[in-house]
N, C-alpha and C. Protein backbone atom coordinates (compact mmCIF):
# COMPACT_ATOMS: atom_id res chain seq x y z
N SER A 1 122.85 118.10 76.11
CA SER A 1 122.27 118.96 75.60
C SER A 1 121.99 119.34 74.25
N GLY A 2 121.73 120.14 73.42
CA GLY A 2 121.00 120.10 72.34
C GLY A 2 122.45 120.14 71.32
N GLN A 3 122.51 119.59 70.10
CA GLN A 3 123.56 119.29 69.57
C GLN A 3 123.28 120.50 68.04
N THR A 4 124.18 121.05 67.61
CA THR A 4 123.88 121.92 66.67
C THR A 4 124.97 121.74 65.30
N PRO A 5 124.31 121.32 64.17
CA PRO A 5 125.25 120.73 63.05
C PRO A 5 125.74 122.13 62.74
N VAL A 6 126.81 122.34 62.10
CA VAL A 6 127.41 123.58 61.05
C VAL A 6 128.07 122.79 60.16
N ASP A 7 128.10 123.53 59.10
CA ASP A 7 129.08 123.00 57.61
C ASP A 7 130.42 124.16 57.80
N ARG A 8 131.58 123.59 57.47
CA ARG A 8 132.58 124.14 57.88
C ARG A 8 133.53 123.66 56.85
N GLN A 9 134.71 124.55 56.12
CA GLN A 9 135.38 123.99 55.68
C GLN A 9 136.95 123.88 56.87
N VAL A 10 137.45 122.81 56.57
CA VAL A 10 138.83 122.74 57.44
C VAL A 10 140.27 122.53 56.77
N ILE A 11 140.98 122.76 57.03
CA ILE A 11 142.45 122.35 56.49
C ILE A 11 143.45 121.13 57.34
N THR A 12 143.40 120.16 56.67
CA THR A 12 144.08 118.79 57.02
C THR A 12 145.34 119.30 57.52
N LYS A 13 145.78 118.33 58.33
CA LYS A 13 147.65 118.45 58.41
C LYS A 13 148.27 118.45 57.48
N THR A 14 148.03 117.72 56.41
CA THR A 14 148.56 117.46 54.94
C THR A 14 148.35 118.66 54.06
N GLY A 15 147.49 119.85 54.56
CA GLY A 15 147.18 120.81 53.61
C GLY A 15 146.10 120.61 53.15
N GLU A 16 145.36 119.77 52.97
CA GLU A 16 144.09 119.32 52.12
C GLU A 16 142.72 120.42 52.82
N ILE A 17 142.02 120.93 51.82
CA ILE A 17 140.80 121.37 52.32
C ILE A 17 139.67 120.89 52.23
N LYS A 18 139.08 120.35 53.57
CA LYS A 18 137.96 119.18 53.45
C LYS A 18 136.66 120.24 54.09
N ASP A 19 135.51 119.83 53.56
CA ASP A 19 134.27 119.95 54.13
C ASP A 19 133.82 119.32 55.03
N VAL A 20 133.44 119.82 56.04
CA VAL A 20 132.76 118.72 57.21
C VAL A 20 131.58 119.41 57.55
N ILE A 21 131.03 118.28 58.43
CA ILE A 21 129.79 119.04 59.37
C ILE A 21 130.18 118.54 61.04
N ILE A 22 129.99 119.76 61.51
CA ILE A 22 130.67 119.53 62.78
C ILE A 22 129.31 119.46 63.71
N THR A 23 129.03 118.19 64.64
CA THR A 23 128.12 118.25 65.35
C THR A 23 128.81 118.71 66.86
N ALA A 24 128.19 119.67 67.53
CA ALA A 24 128.82 120.18 68.96
C ALA A 24 127.81 120.03 69.77
N SER A 25 128.09 119.72 71.11
CA SER A 25 127.23 119.34 72.23
C SER A 25 128.33 119.43 73.49
N ILE A 26 127.51 119.59 74.76
CA ILE A 26 128.08 119.66 75.68
C ILE A 26 127.88 118.40 76.69
N ILE A 27 128.63 118.01 77.18
CA ILE A 27 128.76 116.51 77.86
C ILE A 27 129.30 116.90 78.87
N ASP A 28 129.10 115.43 80.13
CA ASP A 28 129.20 115.14 81.59
C ASP A 28 131.02 114.45 80.92
N TYR A 29 131.69 115.05 81.54
CA TYR A 29 133.13 114.41 81.15
C TYR A 29 133.99 114.56 82.56
N GLN A 30 134.33 113.65 82.86
CA GLN A 30 135.04 113.49 84.52
C GLN A 30 134.54 114.89 85.38
N ARG A 31 133.62 114.80 86.02
CA ARG A 31 132.68 115.53 86.64
C ARG A 31 132.83 117.03 86.15
N ARG A 32 133.31 116.95 84.71
CA ARG A 32 133.17 118.67 84.46
C ARG A 32 132.51 118.11 82.75
N ARG A 33 131.47 119.64 82.95
CA ARG A 33 130.83 119.70 81.54
C ARG A 33 131.74 120.25 80.64
N VAL A 34 131.62 119.66 79.26
CA VAL A 34 132.90 120.51 78.47
C VAL A 34 132.28 120.14 77.15
N LEU A 35 132.74 120.71 76.32
CA LEU A 35 132.10 120.64 75.03
C LEU A 35 132.64 119.33 73.92
N GLN A 36 131.95 118.84 73.54
CA GLN A 36 132.49 118.04 72.24
C GLN A 36 132.24 118.12 70.97
N GLY A 37 132.78 117.91 69.72
CA GLY A 37 132.96 118.19 68.62
C GLY A 37 133.28 117.05 67.85
N ILE A 38 132.03 116.23 67.03
CA ILE A 38 132.26 115.39 65.94
C ILE A 38 132.23 115.97 64.45
N PHE A 39 133.26 115.42 63.66
CA PHE A 39 133.59 115.99 62.51
C PHE A 39 132.87 114.83 61.78
N HIS A 40 132.20 115.31 60.57
CA HIS A 40 132.11 114.40 59.72
C HIS A 40 132.55 114.51 58.11
N ASP A 41 133.07 113.77 57.63
CA ASP A 41 133.79 114.33 56.34
C ASP A 41 132.68 114.25 55.12
N ILE A 42 132.30 115.26 54.58
CA ILE A 42 131.20 115.57 53.53
C ILE A 42 131.83 116.28 52.28
N THR A 43 133.07 115.88 52.12
CA THR A 43 133.65 116.72 51.08
C THR A 43 133.49 115.73 49.85
N GLU A 44 133.23 114.55 49.58
CA GLU A 44 132.57 113.80 48.37
C GLU A 44 131.25 114.18 48.29
N ARG A 45 130.50 114.30 49.22
CA ARG A 45 129.14 114.73 48.90
C ARG A 45 129.10 116.08 48.07
N LYS A 46 130.02 116.85 49.11
CA LYS A 46 129.42 118.32 48.58
C LYS A 46 130.26 118.55 46.85
N LYS A 47 131.33 117.47 46.60
CA LYS A 47 131.92 117.93 45.38
C LYS A 47 130.68 117.43 44.25
N ALA A 48 130.03 116.30 44.81
CA ALA A 48 129.13 115.47 43.83
C ALA A 48 127.61 116.43 43.85
N GLU A 49 127.31 117.66 44.60
CA GLU A 49 126.31 118.48 44.70
C GLU A 49 126.76 119.66 44.01
N LYS A 50 127.91 119.91 43.87
CA LYS A 50 128.24 120.75 43.02
C LYS A 50 128.38 120.49 41.28
N ASP A 51 128.58 119.54 41.28
CA ASP A 51 128.65 118.68 39.87
C ASP A 51 127.30 118.50 39.30
N ILE A 52 126.47 118.31 40.27
CA ILE A 52 124.79 118.10 39.90
C ILE A 52 124.20 119.61 39.49
N LEU A 53 124.93 120.75 40.33
CA LEU A 53 124.33 121.89 40.62
C LEU A 53 124.87 122.37 39.02
N PHE A 54 126.05 122.09 38.86
CA PHE A 54 126.45 122.90 37.25
C PHE A 54 125.94 121.74 35.96
N ILE A 55 125.89 120.69 35.98
CA ILE A 55 125.13 119.82 35.05
C ILE A 55 123.67 120.42 34.95
N ASN A 56 122.77 120.56 35.69
CA ASN A 56 121.41 121.39 36.04
C ASN A 56 121.75 122.52 35.36
N SER A 57 122.31 123.41 35.57
CA SER A 57 122.70 124.85 34.84
C SER A 57 123.13 124.62 33.55
N ILE A 58 123.62 123.58 33.28
CA ILE A 58 123.50 123.38 31.77
C ILE A 58 122.48 122.87 31.27
N LEU A 59 121.84 122.03 31.43
CA LEU A 59 120.65 121.86 31.15
C LEU A 59 119.54 122.92 30.77
N LYS A 60 119.57 123.79 32.44
CA LYS A 60 118.68 124.96 32.35
C LYS A 60 118.77 125.80 31.08
N ALA A 61 119.80 126.34 30.91
CA ALA A 61 120.38 126.98 29.82
C ALA A 61 120.38 126.66 28.33
N GLN A 62 120.32 125.22 28.29
CA GLN A 62 119.88 124.31 27.14
C GLN A 62 118.24 124.61 26.79
N TYR A 63 117.56 124.00 28.11
CA TYR A 63 116.05 124.15 28.17
C TYR A 63 115.53 125.72 27.67
N GLU A 64 116.41 126.71 28.23
CA GLU A 64 115.89 128.11 27.53
C GLU A 64 116.20 128.62 26.77
N THR A 65 116.92 128.52 25.66
CA THR A 65 117.73 128.58 24.62
C THR A 65 117.50 127.69 23.27
N THR A 66 116.90 126.99 23.28
CA THR A 66 116.67 126.01 22.41
C THR A 66 115.81 127.02 21.67
N PRO A 67 115.60 126.53 20.53
CA PRO A 67 114.39 127.00 19.34
C PRO A 67 113.10 126.28 19.85
N ASP A 68 113.15 125.63 20.53
CA ASP A 68 111.99 124.45 20.12
C ASP A 68 111.07 125.36 21.93
N GLY A 69 109.68 125.28 21.62
CA GLY A 69 108.86 125.35 22.88
C GLY A 69 108.90 124.07 23.25
N ILE A 70 108.87 123.86 24.73
CA ILE A 70 109.10 122.70 25.35
C ILE A 70 108.21 122.56 26.60
N LEU A 71 107.12 121.24 26.11
CA LEU A 71 106.04 121.36 27.44
C LEU A 71 106.42 119.83 27.97
N VAL A 72 106.29 119.59 29.37
CA VAL A 72 106.49 117.93 29.83
C VAL A 72 105.28 118.15 30.60
N VAL A 73 104.38 116.94 30.45
CA VAL A 73 102.93 116.68 30.91
C VAL A 73 103.02 115.27 31.44
N SER A 74 102.63 115.26 33.06
CA SER A 74 102.38 113.87 33.74
C SER A 74 101.45 112.83 33.37
N PRO A 75 101.81 111.91 33.62
CA PRO A 75 100.53 110.86 33.37
C PRO A 75 99.09 110.96 33.35
N GLU A 76 98.80 112.02 34.49
CA GLU A 76 97.33 112.57 35.02
C GLU A 76 97.31 113.66 34.33
N GLY A 77 97.94 114.26 33.46
CA GLY A 77 97.65 115.26 32.71
C GLY A 77 97.97 116.53 33.32
N LYS A 78 98.82 116.45 34.16
CA LYS A 78 99.41 117.91 34.91
C LYS A 78 100.71 118.59 34.16
N LEU A 79 100.84 119.49 34.23
CA LEU A 79 102.03 120.32 33.34
C LEU A 79 102.92 120.85 34.18
N LEU A 80 104.01 119.61 33.61
CA LEU A 80 105.26 119.58 35.22
C LEU A 80 106.45 120.45 34.63
N SER A 81 106.59 120.79 33.34
CA SER A 81 107.35 121.85 33.20
C SER A 81 107.37 122.67 31.65
N TYR A 82 107.64 123.74 31.35
CA TYR A 82 107.61 124.37 30.10
C TYR A 82 108.77 125.47 29.93
N ASN A 83 109.29 125.88 28.81
CA ASN A 83 110.12 126.89 28.88
C ASN A 83 109.51 128.00 28.23
N ARG A 84 110.15 129.29 28.15
CA ARG A 84 109.75 130.54 27.80
C ARG A 84 109.23 130.12 26.32
N ARG A 85 110.15 129.45 25.76
CA ARG A 85 109.86 129.45 24.08
C ARG A 85 108.19 128.51 23.94
N PHE A 86 108.09 127.72 24.37
CA PHE A 86 106.25 127.21 24.54
C PHE A 86 105.37 128.51 25.19
N PHE A 87 105.74 129.29 26.02
CA PHE A 87 104.99 130.42 26.65
C PHE A 87 104.83 131.09 25.58
N GLY A 88 105.65 131.96 24.68
CA GLY A 88 105.75 132.52 23.54
C GLY A 88 104.88 132.20 22.42
N THR A 89 105.25 130.92 22.01
CA THR A 89 104.48 130.12 20.78
C THR A 89 103.12 130.11 20.69
N TRP A 90 102.56 129.84 21.83
CA TRP A 90 101.13 129.62 21.95
C TRP A 90 100.43 130.78 22.73
N LYS A 91 101.47 131.89 23.28
CA LYS A 91 100.64 133.01 24.23
C LYS A 91 99.15 132.65 24.99
N ILE A 92 99.98 131.43 25.86
CA ILE A 92 98.89 131.05 26.91
C ILE A 92 99.18 131.85 28.27
N PRO A 93 98.12 132.57 28.79
CA PRO A 93 97.86 133.33 30.24
C PRO A 93 98.09 132.48 31.13
N ASP A 94 99.06 133.38 32.09
CA ASP A 94 99.68 132.80 33.03
C ASP A 94 99.04 131.97 34.20
N GLU A 95 97.31 132.56 34.36
CA GLU A 95 96.51 131.68 35.01
C GLU A 95 95.98 130.49 34.69
N ILE A 96 96.32 129.96 32.96
CA ILE A 96 95.70 129.17 33.07
C ILE A 96 97.09 128.05 33.08
N LEU A 97 98.65 128.68 32.75
CA LEU A 97 99.76 127.78 33.53
C LEU A 97 99.72 127.88 34.74
N LYS A 98 99.28 128.30 35.48
CA LYS A 98 99.48 128.28 36.89
C LYS A 98 98.44 127.41 37.26
N ASN A 99 97.40 126.87 36.71
CA ASN A 99 96.77 125.75 37.19
C ASN A 99 97.42 124.80 36.72
N TYR A 100 98.40 124.71 35.87
CA TYR A 100 98.96 123.31 35.29
C TYR A 100 98.31 122.22 34.93
N ASP A 101 96.93 122.59 34.29
CA ASP A 101 96.03 121.78 33.72
C ASP A 101 96.24 121.93 32.02
N PHE A 102 96.55 120.13 31.80
CA PHE A 102 97.07 120.13 30.46
C PHE A 102 95.50 120.62 29.14
N ASN A 103 94.59 119.80 29.81
CA ASN A 103 93.27 119.84 29.20
C ASN A 103 92.85 121.43 29.23
N LYS A 104 92.83 122.36 30.05
CA LYS A 104 92.70 123.86 30.05
C LYS A 104 93.48 124.33 28.93
N MET A 105 94.40 123.69 29.11
CA MET A 105 95.78 124.22 28.29
C MET A 105 95.26 124.40 26.73
N ILE A 106 94.95 122.98 26.30
CA ILE A 106 94.51 122.33 25.20
C ILE A 106 93.10 123.39 24.78
N ASP A 107 92.19 123.75 25.49
CA ASP A 107 90.92 124.25 25.35
C ASP A 107 91.23 126.00 24.84
N PHE A 108 92.21 126.44 25.26
CA PHE A 108 93.06 127.44 25.28
C PHE A 108 93.62 127.58 23.85
N THR A 109 94.33 126.77 23.04
CA THR A 109 95.07 126.85 22.28
C THR A 109 94.06 126.11 20.92
N LEU A 110 92.85 125.40 21.13
CA LEU A 110 92.54 124.93 20.12
C LEU A 110 91.65 126.38 19.00
N PRO A 111 91.24 127.20 20.03
CA PRO A 111 90.53 128.31 18.43
C PRO A 111 91.70 128.71 17.94
N GLN A 112 92.95 128.65 17.99
CA GLN A 112 93.82 129.40 17.31
C GLN A 112 94.26 128.71 16.03
N ILE A 113 94.09 127.03 16.56
CA ILE A 113 94.11 126.20 14.97
C ILE A 113 93.34 126.08 14.15
N LYS A 114 93.76 126.25 12.49
CA LYS A 114 93.04 125.86 11.53
C LYS A 114 91.78 124.77 11.60
N ASN A 115 92.84 123.53 11.71
CA ASN A 115 91.94 122.19 11.63
C ASN A 115 91.83 121.63 13.35
N SER A 116 91.16 122.74 14.14
CA SER A 116 91.14 122.35 15.45
C SER A 116 90.46 121.14 15.77
N ALA A 117 89.52 120.51 15.33
CA ALA A 117 88.64 119.69 15.04
C ALA A 117 89.77 118.21 15.24
N GLN A 118 90.49 118.24 13.76
CA GLN A 118 91.34 117.02 13.86
C GLN A 118 92.40 117.08 14.54
N TYR A 119 92.77 118.42 15.08
CA TYR A 119 93.91 118.31 16.06
C TYR A 119 93.33 117.73 17.84
N ALA A 120 92.41 118.15 17.83
CA ALA A 120 91.89 117.72 18.95
C ALA A 120 91.62 116.33 19.18
N GLU A 121 91.50 115.82 18.02
CA GLU A 121 91.37 114.06 17.65
C GLU A 121 92.74 113.64 17.88
N LYS A 122 93.67 114.46 17.50
CA LYS A 122 95.29 114.01 17.32
C LYS A 122 95.18 113.55 18.74
N ILE A 123 94.85 114.88 19.74
CA ILE A 123 95.59 115.00 21.19
C ILE A 123 94.68 113.84 22.01
N GLY A 124 93.77 113.71 21.75
CA GLY A 124 92.69 112.34 22.30
C GLY A 124 93.40 111.27 21.91
N TYR A 125 93.96 110.96 21.11
CA TYR A 125 94.63 109.48 20.76
C TYR A 125 95.86 109.48 21.08
N LEU A 126 96.96 110.48 21.24
CA LEU A 126 98.13 110.06 22.14
C LEU A 126 97.75 109.90 23.66
N ASN A 127 96.60 110.50 23.90
CA ASN A 127 96.33 110.26 25.31
C ASN A 127 95.97 108.82 25.86
N SER A 128 95.05 108.44 24.95
CA SER A 128 95.08 107.00 24.81
C SER A 128 95.73 106.10 24.61
N GLN A 129 96.76 106.72 23.68
CA GLN A 129 97.69 105.63 23.51
C GLN A 129 99.51 106.46 23.73
N PRO A 130 99.71 105.99 24.97
CA PRO A 130 100.56 107.04 26.02
C PRO A 130 102.24 106.72 25.32
N PHE A 131 102.31 105.23 24.47
CA PHE A 131 103.76 105.02 24.02
C PHE A 131 103.96 105.34 22.60
N GLU A 132 102.96 106.32 22.00
CA GLU A 132 103.03 106.70 21.08
C GLU A 132 103.95 108.02 20.86
N LYS A 133 104.54 108.02 19.54
CA LYS A 133 105.06 108.93 18.95
C LYS A 133 104.54 109.82 18.34
N SER A 134 104.63 111.25 17.68
CA SER A 134 104.10 111.60 16.89
C SER A 134 104.84 113.00 16.50
N TYR A 135 104.62 113.06 15.17
CA TYR A 135 105.10 114.33 14.30
C TYR A 135 103.98 114.82 13.52
N ASP A 136 103.42 116.42 13.72
CA ASP A 136 102.54 117.08 12.93
C ASP A 136 103.18 118.52 12.59
N LEU A 137 102.10 118.89 11.55
CA LEU A 137 102.20 120.44 11.26
C LEU A 137 100.78 121.18 11.60
N ILE A 138 101.19 122.09 12.05
CA ILE A 138 100.12 122.88 12.58
C ILE A 138 100.01 123.84 12.23
N GLU A 139 98.93 124.45 11.26
CA GLU A 139 98.74 125.57 10.52
C GLU A 139 97.73 126.50 11.80
N ILE A 140 98.26 127.76 11.97
CA ILE A 140 97.67 128.85 12.92
C ILE A 140 96.57 129.43 12.66
N ASN A 141 95.79 130.14 12.80
CA ASN A 141 95.16 131.10 12.12
C ASN A 141 95.60 132.73 11.82
N ASP A 142 96.54 132.69 12.55
CA ASP A 142 97.29 134.15 12.10
C ASP A 142 98.30 133.81 10.98
N GLY A 143 98.53 132.31 10.10
CA GLY A 143 99.35 132.24 9.46
C GLY A 143 100.85 131.65 9.72
N ARG A 144 101.23 131.16 10.92
CA ARG A 144 102.18 130.84 11.42
C ARG A 144 101.94 129.05 11.12
N ILE A 145 103.18 128.49 10.68
CA ILE A 145 103.25 126.96 10.81
C ILE A 145 103.86 126.20 11.99
N ILE A 146 103.21 125.60 12.77
CA ILE A 146 104.17 125.13 14.29
C ILE A 146 104.55 123.65 13.33
N GLU A 147 105.55 123.58 13.87
CA GLU A 147 105.94 122.00 13.49
C GLU A 147 106.00 121.47 15.16
N GLN A 148 105.28 120.12 15.43
CA GLN A 148 105.07 119.77 16.46
C GLN A 148 105.60 118.16 16.67
N TYR A 149 106.40 117.78 17.59
CA TYR A 149 106.95 116.24 17.95
C TYR A 149 106.52 116.02 19.02
N SER A 150 106.18 114.62 19.79
CA SER A 150 105.53 114.68 21.25
C SER A 150 106.21 112.70 20.91
N SER A 151 106.85 112.61 21.97
CA SER A 151 107.38 111.44 22.51
C SER A 151 106.77 111.03 24.07
N PRO A 152 106.97 109.80 24.52
CA PRO A 152 106.61 109.71 25.60
C PRO A 152 107.73 109.34 26.42
N LEU A 153 107.95 109.73 27.46
CA LEU A 153 108.98 109.95 28.83
C LEU A 153 108.66 108.78 29.47
N ILE A 154 110.01 107.88 29.11
CA ILE A 154 110.02 106.26 29.56
C ILE A 154 111.25 106.02 30.52
N ASP A 155 111.50 105.62 31.89
CA ASP A 155 112.39 105.46 32.69
C ASP A 155 113.35 104.27 32.21
N MET A 156 114.09 103.89 32.97
CA MET A 156 115.03 102.49 32.39
C MET A 156 114.07 101.66 32.72
N ASN A 157 113.20 101.74 33.38
CA ASN A 157 112.40 100.55 33.77
C ASN A 157 111.02 100.08 33.12
N LYS A 158 111.12 100.67 32.08
CA LYS A 158 110.02 101.28 31.16
C LYS A 158 108.94 101.52 31.41
N ASP A 159 108.91 102.32 32.21
CA ASP A 159 107.54 102.71 32.89
C ASP A 159 107.47 103.98 32.84
N TYR A 160 105.88 104.60 32.10
CA TYR A 160 105.75 105.43 31.60
C TYR A 160 105.34 106.73 32.73
N LEU A 161 106.39 107.56 32.15
CA LEU A 161 106.46 108.89 33.49
C LEU A 161 105.13 109.89 32.90
N GLY A 162 105.38 110.42 31.57
CA GLY A 162 104.67 111.46 31.33
C GLY A 162 105.10 111.57 29.58
N ARG A 163 104.86 112.70 29.04
CA ARG A 163 105.08 112.65 27.59
C ARG A 163 105.75 114.21 27.53
N ILE A 164 106.35 114.04 26.84
CA ILE A 164 107.27 115.53 26.37
C ILE A 164 106.66 116.06 24.77
N TRP A 165 106.44 117.57 24.74
CA TRP A 165 106.39 117.78 23.13
C TRP A 165 107.33 119.08 22.81
N PHE A 166 107.43 119.33 21.66
CA PHE A 166 108.33 120.05 21.22
C PHE A 166 107.51 120.67 19.96
N PHE A 167 107.58 121.95 20.11
CA PHE A 167 107.11 122.77 19.30
C PHE A 167 108.23 124.20 18.56
N ARG A 168 108.25 124.09 17.18
CA ARG A 168 108.74 124.87 16.50
C ARG A 168 108.23 125.70 15.21
N ASP A 169 108.35 126.97 15.44
CA ASP A 169 107.80 127.57 14.65
C ASP A 169 108.75 127.67 13.45
N ILE A 170 107.90 127.22 11.98
CA ILE A 170 108.90 126.97 11.09
C ILE A 170 108.33 127.35 9.39
N THR A 171 107.85 128.73 10.48
CA THR A 171 107.05 130.11 9.01
C THR A 171 107.73 130.14 7.94
N ASP A 172 108.87 130.57 8.62
CA ASP A 172 109.69 131.27 7.69
C ASP A 172 110.32 130.31 6.47
N GLN A 173 110.69 129.01 7.34
CA GLN A 173 111.61 128.24 6.31
C GLN A 173 110.76 127.66 5.25
N LYS A 174 109.15 127.44 5.69
CA LYS A 174 108.21 127.30 4.93
C LYS A 174 108.23 127.89 3.97
N ARG A 175 107.89 129.77 3.84
CA ARG A 175 107.68 130.40 3.18
C ARG A 175 108.65 130.20 1.84
N ALA A 176 110.08 130.47 2.51
CA ALA A 176 111.21 130.09 1.85
C ALA A 176 111.31 128.95 0.82
N GLU A 177 110.44 127.83 1.40
CA GLU A 177 110.32 126.67 0.22
C GLU A 177 109.21 126.91 -0.62
N GLN A 178 108.18 127.36 -0.22
CA GLN A 178 107.12 127.50 -1.10
C GLN A 178 108.04 128.49 -2.45
N GLU A 179 108.65 129.64 -1.74
CA GLU A 179 108.79 130.74 -2.76
C GLU A 179 110.00 129.89 -3.72
N LEU A 180 110.58 128.85 -3.50
CA LEU A 180 111.85 128.52 -4.30
C LEU A 180 110.87 127.37 -4.81
N LYS A 181 110.08 126.66 -4.76
CA LYS A 181 109.02 125.96 -5.84
C LYS A 181 108.47 126.58 -6.56
N ASN A 182 107.83 127.66 -6.44
CA ASN A 182 107.51 129.05 -6.99
C ASN A 182 108.31 129.55 -8.48
N LYS A 183 109.71 129.38 -7.69
CA LYS A 183 110.81 130.08 -8.62
C LYS A 183 110.92 128.72 -9.82
N LEU A 184 111.11 127.40 -9.22
CA LEU A 184 111.57 126.56 -9.79
C LEU A 184 110.07 126.15 -10.97
N GLU A 185 108.75 126.64 -10.78
CA GLU A 185 107.87 125.99 -11.52
C GLU A 185 107.96 127.18 -12.69
N GLU A 186 108.14 128.11 -12.24
CA GLU A 186 108.16 129.38 -13.40
C GLU A 186 109.59 129.53 -14.45
N LEU A 187 110.44 128.80 -13.91
CA LEU A 187 112.06 128.45 -14.61
C LEU A 187 111.23 127.41 -15.88
N GLU A 188 110.29 126.17 -14.92
CA GLU A 188 110.01 125.41 -15.91
C GLU A 188 109.13 125.74 -16.97
N ARG A 189 108.22 126.56 -16.98
CA ARG A 189 107.34 127.19 -17.62
C ARG A 189 108.40 127.80 -18.86
N TYR A 190 109.14 128.88 -18.45
CA TYR A 190 110.08 129.59 -19.48
C TYR A 190 110.73 128.32 -19.95
N LYS A 191 111.51 127.75 -19.38
CA LYS A 191 112.06 126.69 -20.39
C LYS A 191 111.19 125.82 -21.52
N ASN A 192 109.95 125.38 -21.07
CA ASN A 192 109.07 124.94 -21.92
C ASN A 192 108.63 125.71 -23.19
N VAL A 193 108.22 126.94 -22.92
CA VAL A 193 108.39 127.97 -23.71
C VAL A 193 109.29 128.35 -25.17
N THR A 194 110.29 128.25 -24.16
CA THR A 194 111.95 128.45 -25.20
C THR A 194 111.87 127.19 -26.18
N VAL A 195 111.46 126.28 -25.55
CA VAL A 195 112.20 124.90 -26.23
C VAL A 195 110.92 125.03 -27.07
N ASN A 196 109.83 125.03 -27.19
CA ASN A 196 108.83 125.08 -27.80
C ASN A 196 109.08 125.93 -29.17
N ARG A 197 109.29 127.24 -28.81
CA ARG A 197 109.69 128.38 -29.55
C ARG A 197 110.48 127.48 -30.82
N GLU A 198 111.85 127.21 -30.00
CA GLU A 198 112.96 126.89 -30.50
C GLU A 198 112.44 125.45 -31.70
N VAL A 199 111.73 124.56 -31.52
CA VAL A 199 111.07 123.51 -32.16
C VAL A 199 110.13 124.33 -33.49
N LYS A 200 109.28 124.97 -33.03
CA LYS A 200 108.54 125.86 -34.01
C LYS A 200 109.69 126.50 -35.08
N MET A 201 110.55 126.99 -35.09
CA MET A 201 111.63 127.83 -35.49
C MET A 201 112.14 126.55 -36.50
N ILE A 202 112.45 125.73 -35.85
CA ILE A 202 113.18 124.43 -36.84
C ILE A 202 112.07 124.01 -37.63
N GLU A 203 110.72 123.90 -37.44
CA GLU A 203 109.90 123.20 -38.07
C GLU A 203 109.69 124.05 -39.60
N LEU A 204 109.63 125.42 -39.19
CA LEU A 204 109.26 125.88 -39.76
C LEU A 204 110.21 126.25 -41.26
N LYS A 205 111.41 126.58 -40.46
CA LYS A 205 112.73 126.58 -41.66
C LYS A 205 112.72 125.29 -42.46
N ASN A 206 112.17 124.15 -41.85
CA ASN A 206 112.06 123.05 -42.62
C ASN A 206 110.96 123.08 -43.81
N GLU A 207 109.99 123.75 -43.34
CA GLU A 207 108.76 123.65 -44.49
C GLU A 207 109.28 124.90 -45.57
N VAL A 208 110.05 125.96 -44.81
CA VAL A 208 110.50 126.75 -45.92
C VAL A 208 111.56 126.20 -47.17
N ASN A 209 112.44 125.16 -46.63
CA ASN A 209 113.28 124.69 -47.20
C ASN A 209 112.58 123.63 -48.10
N ASP A 210 111.51 122.72 -47.82
CA ASP A 210 110.96 121.89 -48.38
C ASP A 210 109.99 122.69 -49.39
N LEU A 211 109.57 123.82 -49.20
CA LEU A 211 108.95 124.85 -50.42
C LEU A 211 110.08 125.01 -51.64
N ARG A 212 110.64 125.63 -50.89
CA ARG A 212 112.00 125.74 -51.96
C ARG A 212 112.51 124.93 -52.84
N LEU A 213 112.62 123.83 -52.39
CA LEU A 213 112.61 122.56 -53.35
C LEU A 213 111.78 122.11 -54.14
N ARG A 214 110.80 122.42 -53.92
CA ARG A 214 109.21 121.71 -54.66
C ARG A 214 109.63 122.96 -55.88
N MET A 215 110.08 124.41 -55.47
CA MET A 215 110.25 125.41 -56.57
C MET A 215 111.49 125.15 -57.28
N LYS A 216 112.09 124.46 -57.25
CA LYS A 216 113.18 124.03 -57.62
C LYS A 216 114.45 125.12 -57.24
N GLU A 217 113.97 125.53 -56.19
CA GLU A 217 115.42 126.60 -55.53
C GLU A 217 116.17 125.85 -54.56
N ASN A 218 117.24 126.34 -55.13
CA ASN A 218 118.65 125.99 -54.14
C ASN A 218 118.16 126.52 -52.61
N PRO A 219 118.35 125.98 -51.00
CA PRO A 219 117.72 126.68 -50.04
C PRO A 219 119.27 127.22 -49.51
N LYS A 220 119.16 128.42 -48.95
CA LYS A 220 120.24 129.05 -48.55
C LYS A 220 120.90 128.71 -47.30
């Protein structure tokens, strides 16, 4: 008759808890129909599965809490994975993301970018050079500045698996850098004005002393 595998935990004679799969079936034994149970120890497999789940949970938490928007694209141009930060950075509608089409996604994002033609050219270049890495600063029409890093995904056999993209909004950082630069330039101008004024005062004093000497007066 049919077999019915069931996962269970059992306690051994030594008190250990084991994960097992029990396969039960009814068989003929000595002219009687009896229930036969076969136990397969899957403790190590269960432990490995729990370890994998734990690692995946950590990776997923990191994936979603990183300050970077992350996008993974297959060699065929299909969206394999992305996190919420990526979605928020580019404000891409669900209907486009659900199509998993990288080219359609690019078509949506290009109008948001100041130098869209240059950016489109860079995307085309990376598509034709799958093993290239890339770093770019992207200026958005709404005033944001996005730092973009892209790298190929390569397995242990050096086979190309796709491309991963990282996007980070560094607008505040760039504004702070510009403010600091402006402040330094202002201080430099002030220093030059002050130094020039001091030089002029010294020159003027020397001229006055020279005139007094000519008039046979003692300088004070």
